[in-house]
Amino acid sequence: MSGMDDLLRPERFDRIMHMPPPAQYIQEQHSWNPEDRSLNIFVKDEDKFTFHRHPVAQSTDCIRGKLGYSRGFHVWQIEWPERQRGTHAVVGVATKTAPLHATGYTALIGTTNESYGWDITRRECHHDSKNTMTWRYPFGNSRDVYHVPDKFYCILDMDEGYMAFATDEEYLGVAFRNLKGKTLFPIVAAVWGHCEISMRYLGSLERELISFDSSPPSTPRRPPLRPPLPLSSSTSHHYPRRPSPPRPLFHSPIYKPPPRSRHPTDSPAALMAAAAQSPVLPFSPFSDLAKIFSFYDLQAGGASSSSSSYSLFEPPAEWHKFEEEIPKDSPRRSIDSCIILDETPCASSSPSLYLPAPPSGKAPNDLFGPPLTPGDSKNQEDLDIGTSIL
């Protein structure tokens, strides 16, 4: 039953010994149970932590504590004067079904499989002693030399499944093992008449889970509500972010045009290749010229601008027909050296522009009237009217 690990003083025992004692009501919750005892024992009314045994001969009597322990690390103190022990004085733990009375003087605790007892008079341990042998405890001391003091400590570690004992001077080591899976109560068996035994609960500790985090386990780490604002180089602090204004109950969605997809022909290389294949004039009012030509075509009685298609580089076929109707020596044939009517471009270095001619054979005077002359009476009347108005 002994080993090197059984002699190591548990660190949690020292922690409990340096802690302040529990409150009075907590100690009373862990004290002797007046309803779970032998009939020869009673708990004192003036002291809930002490019981008294009647002087009954040839009787071994036990009493259990109020609470049983199935997990955690627990320590309680037993005060049993040496002169009140008799031939059999046993302390330990037991289940709820362990017997509490026996005829004769015997080490009642540990005689069955439901209890574990240390006889402090004989310095030996009992567990199922009817079927197994007892063993000496403490291990490094002789039965005739070591004397258990009046006050000593019971240590029950249900997380590891062992029970040990200690005094104010030394740690006596582990007495019992393999206690996991049971609910055990403190228990005492006495044979001395008028003996009084006290028990005070000193505290308990729960098992601490192994954590790889450097933060203390009592301070849980919470995720931030929002990411912190970036700190500027000039200031060492930042102001809290303003709360966003509440959204209106009814709001119209903002129109967002669809993203424009780039066509392969819109690349700069494709545009430069197309410009090299088609001639380009040094000016760019093509749209305005097309409007002028369309309007002129409507005035001349031609098709509408929506159905007409003029090219600035190749005149329509009907214009060549109109060209044949106009005499060669007409002054309208050439208006300017750089503007040619219905002819192929000149061989000069300057670019040429084709102006559309009316597709019909009517002269401009028939379409818009004769030109204004100073001697015309009609024009003179118009001039006079304008002068009088001014």
Protein backbone atom coordinates (compact mmCIF):
# COMPACT_ATOMS: atom_id res chain seq x y z
CA MET A 1 0.00 0.00 0.00
CA SER A 2 2.95 2.35 0.52
CA GLY A 3 4.90 4.18 -2.13
CA MET A 4 6.95 7.29 -2.79
CA ASP A 5 3.93 9.22 -4.06
CA ASP A 6 1.97 8.40 -0.91
CA LEU A 7 4.44 10.36 1.20
CA LEU A 8 4.31 13.58 -0.86
CA ARG A 9 2.51 16.38 0.94
CA PRO A 10 -0.36 17.65 -1.25
CA GLU A 11 -0.18 21.31 -2.18
CA ARG A 12 -3.93 21.79 -1.78
CA PHE A 13 -3.69 20.74 1.86
CA ASP A 14 -1.29 23.62 2.55
CA ARG A 15 -3.58 26.02 0.72
CA ILE A 16 -6.54 25.06 2.91
CA MET A 17 -4.44 25.31 6.07
CA HIS A 18 -3.51 28.91 5.16
CA MET A 19 -7.08 29.88 4.33
CA PRO A 20 -9.35 31.48 6.93
CA PRO A 21 -11.79 28.98 8.47
CA PRO A 22 -15.26 28.73 6.93
CA ALA A 23 -18.21 30.52 8.44
CA GLN A 24 -20.00 29.05 11.44
CA TYR A 25 -23.07 27.92 9.49
CA ILE A 26 -20.88 26.16 6.89
CA GLN A 27 -19.03 24.28 9.59
CA GLU A 28 -22.34 23.25 11.12
CA GLN A 29 -23.47 21.88 7.75
CA HIS A 30 -20.44 19.54 7.79
CA SER A 31 -20.64 18.60 11.48
CA TRP A 32 -21.96 15.43 13.18
CA ASN A 33 -25.39 14.23 12.14
CA PRO A 34 -27.65 13.76 15.21
CA GLU A 35 -30.02 11.62 13.06
CA ASP A 36 -27.32 9.22 11.80
CA ARG A 37 -25.71 7.75 14.93
CA SER A 38 -25.71 4.88 17.39
CA LEU A 39 -28.26 5.07 20.20
CA ASN A 40 -25.45 5.29 22.73
CA ILE A 41 -24.23 8.60 21.25
CA PHE A 42 -25.79 12.08 21.25
CA VAL A 43 -24.66 15.46 19.88
CA LYS A 44 -24.32 18.17 22.48
CA ASP A 45 -26.87 20.97 22.28
CA GLU A 46 -24.42 23.67 23.33
CA ASP A 47 -21.73 22.43 20.91
CA LYS A 48 -22.89 21.11 17.53
CA PHE A 49 -19.35 19.96 16.69
CA THR A 50 -18.96 17.56 19.64
CA PHE A 51 -20.73 14.31 20.55
CA HIS A 52 -20.83 12.43 23.85
CA ARG A 53 -20.93 8.63 24.32
CA HIS A 54 -22.82 7.00 27.15
CA PRO A 55 -20.86 4.55 29.35
CA VAL A 56 -22.24 1.32 27.91
CA ALA A 57 -20.10 -1.78 28.37
CA GLN A 58 -19.30 -4.21 25.57
CA SER A 59 -20.51 -1.88 22.85
CA THR A 60 -18.87 -0.17 19.89
CA ASP A 61 -20.75 2.90 18.66
CA CYS A 62 -20.38 5.09 15.55
CA ILE A 63 -21.65 8.43 14.21
CA ARG A 64 -21.51 9.85 10.67
CA GLY A 65 -21.26 13.38 9.38
CA LYS A 66 -24.12 15.29 7.75
CA LEU A 67 -22.66 15.51 4.26
CA GLY A 68 -21.07 12.93 2.00
CA TYR A 69 -18.35 13.73 -0.52
CA SER A 70 -18.04 12.32 -4.02
CA ARG A 71 -15.68 14.92 -5.54
CA GLY A 72 -13.33 17.67 -4.44
CA PHE A 73 -10.52 17.97 -1.91
CA HIS A 74 -11.76 18.15 1.72
CA VAL A 75 -10.04 18.61 5.08
CA TRP A 76 -11.50 18.37 8.59
CA GLN A 77 -9.96 18.33 12.02
CA ILE A 78 -10.57 15.65 14.67
CA GLU A 79 -9.96 16.41 18.34
CA TRP A 80 -9.83 13.23 20.39
CA PRO A 81 -8.04 13.32 23.75
CA GLU A 82 -5.63 10.40 24.15
CA ARG A 83 -6.93 9.43 27.58
CA GLN A 84 -10.49 8.95 26.15
CA ARG A 85 -9.64 6.47 23.39
CA GLY A 86 -9.71 3.05 25.02
CA THR A 87 -8.74 -0.14 23.23
CA HIS A 88 -10.34 0.73 19.90
CA ALA A 89 -10.49 4.31 18.60
CA VAL A 90 -11.15 4.40 14.86
CA VAL A 91 -11.61 7.35 12.45
CA GLY A 92 -12.21 7.28 8.71
CA VAL A 93 -14.92 7.42 6.06
CA ALA A 94 -17.85 5.16 5.19
CA THR A 95 -20.81 4.92 2.87
CA LYS A 96 -24.39 5.45 3.93
CA THR A 97 -24.95 1.70 4.37
CA ALA A 98 -22.04 1.01 6.72
CA PRO A 99 -23.13 -0.31 10.18
CA LEU A 100 -23.06 2.05 13.19
CA HIS A 101 -23.22 -0.38 16.13
CA ALA A 102 -21.57 -3.66 17.09
CA THR A 103 -21.57 -5.78 20.25
CA GLY A 104 -18.28 -5.94 22.05
CA TYR A 105 -15.13 -3.86 21.55
CA THR A 106 -13.96 -3.96 17.98
CA ALA A 107 -12.67 -1.79 15.16
CA LEU A 108 -16.10 -1.45 13.58
CA ILE A 109 -14.99 0.95 10.83
CA GLY A 110 -13.23 -1.03 8.11
CA THR A 111 -14.61 -4.45 8.90
CA THR A 112 -16.68 -4.42 5.66
CA ASN A 113 -16.20 -3.18 2.14
CA GLU A 114 -18.34 -0.09 2.89
CA SER A 115 -15.93 1.69 5.23
CA TYR A 116 -12.26 2.69 5.66
CA GLY A 117 -10.87 3.16 9.17
CA TRP A 118 -7.60 4.00 10.94
CA ASP A 119 -7.27 2.74 14.50
CA ILE A 120 -5.28 5.50 16.21
CA THR A 121 -4.75 3.34 19.32
CA ARG A 122 -3.22 0.35 17.51
CA ARG A 123 -1.87 2.47 14.55
CA GLU A 124 -3.25 0.18 11.86
CA CYS A 125 -5.63 0.53 8.90
CA HIS A 126 -8.77 -1.52 8.23
CA HIS A 127 -10.73 -2.11 5.07
CA ASP A 128 -12.82 -5.26 4.67
CA SER A 129 -10.80 -6.67 7.53
CA LYS A 130 -13.04 -9.73 7.71
CA ASN A 131 -11.59 -10.89 4.40
CA THR A 132 -8.22 -9.07 4.21
CA MET A 133 -5.37 -8.33 6.56
CA THR A 134 -4.76 -4.96 8.19
CA TRP A 135 -1.57 -2.91 7.62
CA ARG A 136 0.56 -0.63 9.73
CA TYR A 137 0.13 3.13 9.49
CA PRO A 138 2.03 5.45 9.54
CA PHE A 139 4.48 3.51 7.40
CA GLY A 140 7.79 4.85 8.70
CA ASN A 141 7.02 4.51 12.42
CA SER A 142 6.76 1.59 14.80
CA ARG A 143 3.43 0.85 16.43
CA ASP A 144 4.90 1.11 19.90
CA VAL A 145 6.82 4.33 19.34
CA TYR A 146 4.48 6.71 17.45
CA HIS A 147 1.66 8.44 19.36
CA VAL A 148 -1.13 10.23 17.57
CA PRO A 149 -1.67 13.70 19.11
CA ASP A 150 -5.03 14.91 20.42
CA LYS A 151 -5.62 16.98 17.26
CA PHE A 152 -4.96 15.68 13.78
CA TYR A 153 -6.33 16.21 10.26
CA CYS A 154 -8.26 13.96 7.88
CA ILE A 155 -7.59 14.61 4.18
CA LEU A 156 -10.03 13.23 1.60
CA ASP A 157 -9.28 13.72 -2.09
CA MET A 158 -12.18 12.32 -4.09
CA ASP A 159 -10.72 13.66 -7.36
CA GLU A 160 -7.68 11.40 -6.99
CA GLY A 161 -9.48 8.79 -4.86
CA TYR A 162 -7.39 8.62 -1.68
CA MET A 163 -7.52 9.46 2.03
CA ALA A 164 -4.57 10.63 4.12
CA PHE A 165 -3.85 11.97 7.60
CA ALA A 166 -1.60 14.70 8.96
CA THR A 167 -0.68 16.48 12.16
CA ASP A 168 0.59 19.97 12.86
CA GLU A 169 4.16 18.63 12.70
CA GLU A 170 4.13 16.25 9.73
CA TYR A 171 2.21 14.69 6.87
CA LEU A 172 1.62 11.01 7.58
CA GLY A 173 0.97 9.96 3.98
CA VAL A 174 -1.82 8.18 2.12
CA ALA A 175 -3.72 5.54 4.07
CA PHE A 176 -6.39 4.43 1.55
CA ARG A 177 -6.74 4.51 -2.22
CA ASN A 178 -9.27 3.57 -4.89
CA LEU A 179 -12.07 5.68 -3.42
CA LYS A 180 -13.38 7.11 -6.71
CA GLY A 181 -16.99 6.51 -7.63
CA LYS A 182 -18.29 6.46 -4.06
CA THR A 183 -19.98 8.94 -1.75
CA LEU A 184 -18.19 8.84 1.60
CA PHE A 185 -19.10 10.40 4.96
CA PRO A 186 -16.79 11.18 7.87
CA ILE A 187 -17.23 8.58 10.61
CA VAL A 188 -15.88 7.76 14.08
CA ALA A 189 -16.16 4.60 16.23
CA ALA A 190 -15.66 4.82 20.02
CA VAL A 191 -15.71 2.39 22.97
CA TRP A 192 -14.73 4.67 25.88
CA GLY A 193 -17.53 5.80 28.16
CA HIS A 194 -18.14 9.55 28.55
CA CYS A 195 -15.70 10.29 25.77
CA GLU A 196 -16.25 13.50 23.77
CA ILE A 197 -14.96 13.85 20.21
CA SER A 198 -15.11 17.03 18.16
CA MET A 199 -14.95 17.57 14.39
CA ARG A 200 -14.50 20.90 12.58
CA TYR A 201 -14.64 21.27 8.82
CA LEU A 202 -11.74 23.38 7.50
CA GLY A 203 -12.68 23.73 3.86
CA SER A 204 -12.52 22.21 0.38
CA LEU A 205 -11.08 22.89 -3.07
CA GLU A 206 -12.40 21.84 -6.44
CA ARG A 207 -10.17 20.36 -9.09
CA GLU A 208 -8.45 23.00 -11.24
CA LEU A 209 -8.58 22.36 -14.98
CA ILE A 210 -5.29 22.57 -16.82
CA SER A 211 -5.22 25.71 -18.96
CA PHE A 212 -2.60 26.73 -21.51
CA ASP A 213 -3.71 30.36 -21.32
CA SER A 214 -1.55 32.80 -19.37
CA SER A 215 -4.55 34.73 -18.08
CA PRO A 216 -5.91 33.81 -14.62
CA PRO A 217 -8.78 31.29 -14.72
CA SER A 218 -11.02 33.54 -12.63
CA THR A 219 -10.97 36.24 -15.32
CA PRO A 220 -12.55 34.83 -18.49
CA ARG A 221 -11.39 36.43 -21.69
CA ARG A 222 -14.24 38.01 -23.64
CA PRO A 223 -14.05 38.93 -27.33
CA PRO A 224 -14.11 42.69 -28.05
CA LEU A 225 -17.40 44.16 -29.14
CA ARG A 226 -15.74 45.93 -32.09
CA PRO A 227 -12.19 46.32 -33.38
CA PRO A 228 -10.24 49.17 -31.76
CA LEU A 229 -9.57 52.35 -33.68
CA PRO A 230 -6.04 52.71 -35.08
CA LEU A 231 -3.76 54.91 -33.00
CA SER A 232 -2.05 57.83 -34.69
CA SER A 233 1.65 58.42 -34.31
CA SER A 234 1.17 61.83 -32.66
CA THR A 235 -1.33 60.78 -29.99
CA SER A 236 -1.19 57.89 -27.55
CA HIS A 237 -4.97 57.65 -27.08
CA HIS A 238 -8.06 57.68 -29.21
CA TYR A 239 -11.58 58.84 -28.69
CA PRO A 240 -14.53 56.47 -28.81
CA ARG A 241 -16.32 56.11 -32.09
CA ARG A 242 -19.53 58.07 -32.51
CA PRO A 243 -22.65 55.96 -32.69
CA SER A 244 -24.14 55.79 -36.16
CA PRO A 245 -27.45 57.68 -36.63
CA PRO A 246 -30.60 55.56 -36.67
CA ARG A 247 -31.75 54.44 -40.08
CA PRO A 248 -35.07 55.92 -41.31
CA LEU A 249 -38.08 53.71 -41.20
CA PHE A 250 -38.85 54.25 -44.90
CA HIS A 251 -36.05 54.99 -47.30
CA SER A 252 -35.65 54.72 -51.04
CA PRO A 253 -32.88 52.55 -52.35
CA ILE A 254 -29.97 54.33 -54.00
CA TYR A 255 -29.60 53.49 -57.66
CA LYS A 256 -26.26 51.99 -58.51
CA PRO A 257 -25.54 51.39 -62.19
CA PRO A 258 -24.32 47.93 -63.05
CA PRO A 259 -20.58 47.63 -63.45
CA ARG A 260 -19.39 48.17 -67.01
CA SER A 261 -17.89 45.13 -68.60
CA ARG A 262 -14.84 45.86 -70.69
CA HIS A 263 -15.16 44.52 -74.22
CA PRO A 264 -12.06 43.11 -75.87
CA THR A 265 -12.39 45.68 -78.69
CA ASP A 266 -12.14 48.53 -76.15
CA SER A 267 -8.52 47.81 -75.45
CA PRO A 268 -5.99 50.51 -76.48
CA ALA A 269 -4.35 48.15 -78.99
CA ALA A 270 -7.69 47.40 -80.72
CA LEU A 271 -8.60 51.10 -80.88
CA MET A 272 -5.23 52.00 -82.41
CA ALA A 273 -5.57 49.25 -85.03
CA ALA A 274 -9.04 50.49 -86.03
CA ALA A 275 -7.78 54.07 -86.31
CA ALA A 276 -4.95 53.01 -88.61
CA GLN A 277 -7.38 51.28 -91.03
CA SER A 278 -9.93 54.16 -91.38
CA PRO A 279 -9.04 57.80 -92.29
CA VAL A 280 -9.65 60.38 -89.58
CA LEU A 281 -10.14 64.10 -90.14
CA PRO A 282 -8.08 66.55 -88.04
CA PHE A 283 -11.29 67.87 -86.47
CA SER A 284 -14.10 66.03 -84.68
CA PRO A 285 -17.49 67.75 -85.12
CA PHE A 286 -18.90 64.70 -86.96
CA SER A 287 -22.12 64.57 -84.99
CA ASP A 288 -22.87 68.26 -85.57
CA LEU A 289 -22.16 67.97 -89.29
CA ALA A 290 -24.46 64.97 -89.59
CA LYS A 291 -27.25 67.00 -87.99
CA ILE A 292 -26.67 69.84 -90.44
CA PHE A 293 -26.69 67.47 -93.39
CA SER A 294 -29.85 65.78 -92.21
CA PHE A 295 -31.61 69.13 -91.77
CA TYR A 296 -30.47 70.22 -95.21
CA ASP A 297 -31.76 66.98 -96.65
CA LEU A 298 -35.20 67.55 -95.09
CA GLN A 299 -35.38 71.07 -96.45
CA ALA A 300 -34.53 69.73 -99.88
CA GLY A 301 -37.38 67.23 -99.71
CA GLY A 302 -35.25 64.17 -99.09
CA ALA A 303 -35.66 61.32 -96.64
CA SER A 304 -35.69 61.89 -92.90
CA SER A 305 -32.53 62.00 -90.88
CA SER A 306 -33.42 58.74 -89.15
CA SER A 307 -33.36 56.84 -92.44
CA SER A 308 -30.58 58.81 -94.16
CA SER A 309 -27.04 57.60 -93.85
CA TYR A 310 -24.39 60.01 -95.06
CA SER A 311 -20.70 59.30 -95.13
CA LEU A 312 -18.18 62.08 -94.87
CA PHE A 313 -15.80 60.12 -97.05
CA GLU A 314 -18.03 58.64 -99.75
CA PRO A 315 -21.06 60.60 -101.08
CA PRO A 316 -24.34 58.79 -101.82
CA ALA A 317 -25.20 57.68 -105.33
CA GLU A 318 -28.04 60.21 -105.74
CA TRP A 319 -25.57 63.06 -105.30
CA HIS A 320 -23.65 61.94 -108.38
CA LYS A 321 -26.89 62.13 -110.29
CA PHE A 322 -27.39 65.70 -109.13
CA GLU A 323 -23.80 66.43 -110.12
CA GLU A 324 -24.49 65.40 -113.68
CA GLU A 325 -27.46 67.81 -113.90
CA ILE A 326 -25.36 70.82 -112.84
CA PRO A 327 -23.27 72.32 -115.66
CA LYS A 328 -19.56 72.07 -115.51
CA ASP A 329 -19.03 75.84 -115.61
CA SER A 330 -21.48 76.57 -112.79
CA PRO A 331 -20.00 78.79 -110.05
CA ARG A 332 -21.48 76.38 -107.50
CA ARG A 333 -19.07 73.75 -108.63
CA SER A 334 -16.22 75.22 -106.61
CA ILE A 335 -16.78 77.32 -103.56
CA ASP A 336 -13.47 77.02 -101.88
CA SER A 337 -10.18 75.40 -102.66
CA CYS A 338 -10.46 73.08 -99.71
CA ILE A 339 -14.23 72.36 -99.96
CA ILE A 340 -15.28 70.38 -103.05
CA LEU A 341 -18.82 69.52 -104.04
CA ASP A 342 -19.42 65.91 -105.10
CA GLU A 343 -15.96 65.23 -106.37
CA THR A 344 -13.16 62.99 -105.33
CA PRO A 345 -10.65 64.46 -102.89
CA CYS A 346 -7.98 66.66 -104.36
CA ALA A 347 -4.38 65.56 -104.37
CA SER A 348 -3.29 68.42 -102.13
CA SER A 349 -1.68 67.69 -98.78
CA SER A 350 -4.48 69.37 -96.83
CA PRO A 351 -7.44 67.14 -95.92
CA SER A 352 -10.67 67.59 -97.88
CA LEU A 353 -14.29 67.46 -96.78
CA TYR A 354 -17.29 66.48 -98.88
CA LEU A 355 -20.35 68.67 -98.37
CA PRO A 356 -23.66 67.12 -99.39
CA ALA A 357 -25.58 68.70 -102.24
CA PRO A 358 -29.39 68.68 -102.48
CA PRO A 359 -30.57 65.44 -104.02
CA SER A 360 -33.21 67.33 -106.14
CA GLY A 361 -32.62 69.54 -109.16
CA LYS A 362 -34.09 72.67 -107.53
CA ALA A 363 -31.89 75.66 -107.10
CA PRO A 364 -31.33 77.13 -103.64
CA ASN A 365 -33.31 80.26 -104.65
CA ASP A 366 -36.35 78.07 -105.27
CA LEU A 367 -36.02 76.51 -101.86
CA PHE A 368 -35.16 79.51 -99.68
CA GLY A 369 -36.06 82.48 -101.92
CA PRO A 370 -33.87 85.02 -103.74
CA PRO A 371 -30.97 86.59 -101.88
CA LEU A 372 -31.56 89.87 -100.11
CA THR A 373 -30.44 93.02 -102.03
CA PRO A 374 -30.47 96.65 -100.85
CA GLY A 375 -32.63 97.79 -103.78
CA ASP A 376 -35.42 95.31 -103.33
CA SER A 377 -38.69 96.97 -102.33
CA LYS A 378 -39.83 94.05 -100.24
CA ASN A 379 -36.54 93.95 -98.47
CA GLN A 380 -36.63 97.70 -98.04
CA GLU A 381 -40.01 97.47 -96.35
CA ASP A 382 -38.71 94.85 -94.03
CA LEU A 383 -35.75 97.08 -93.27
CA ASP A 384 -37.98 100.04 -92.56
CA ILE A 385 -40.18 97.99 -90.28
CA GLY A 386 -37.15 96.84 -88.41
CA THR A 387 -35.85 100.41 -88.11
CA SER A 388 -39.16 101.68 -86.78
CA ILE A 389 -39.28 98.92 -84.22
CA LEU A 390 -35.79 99.77 -83.04
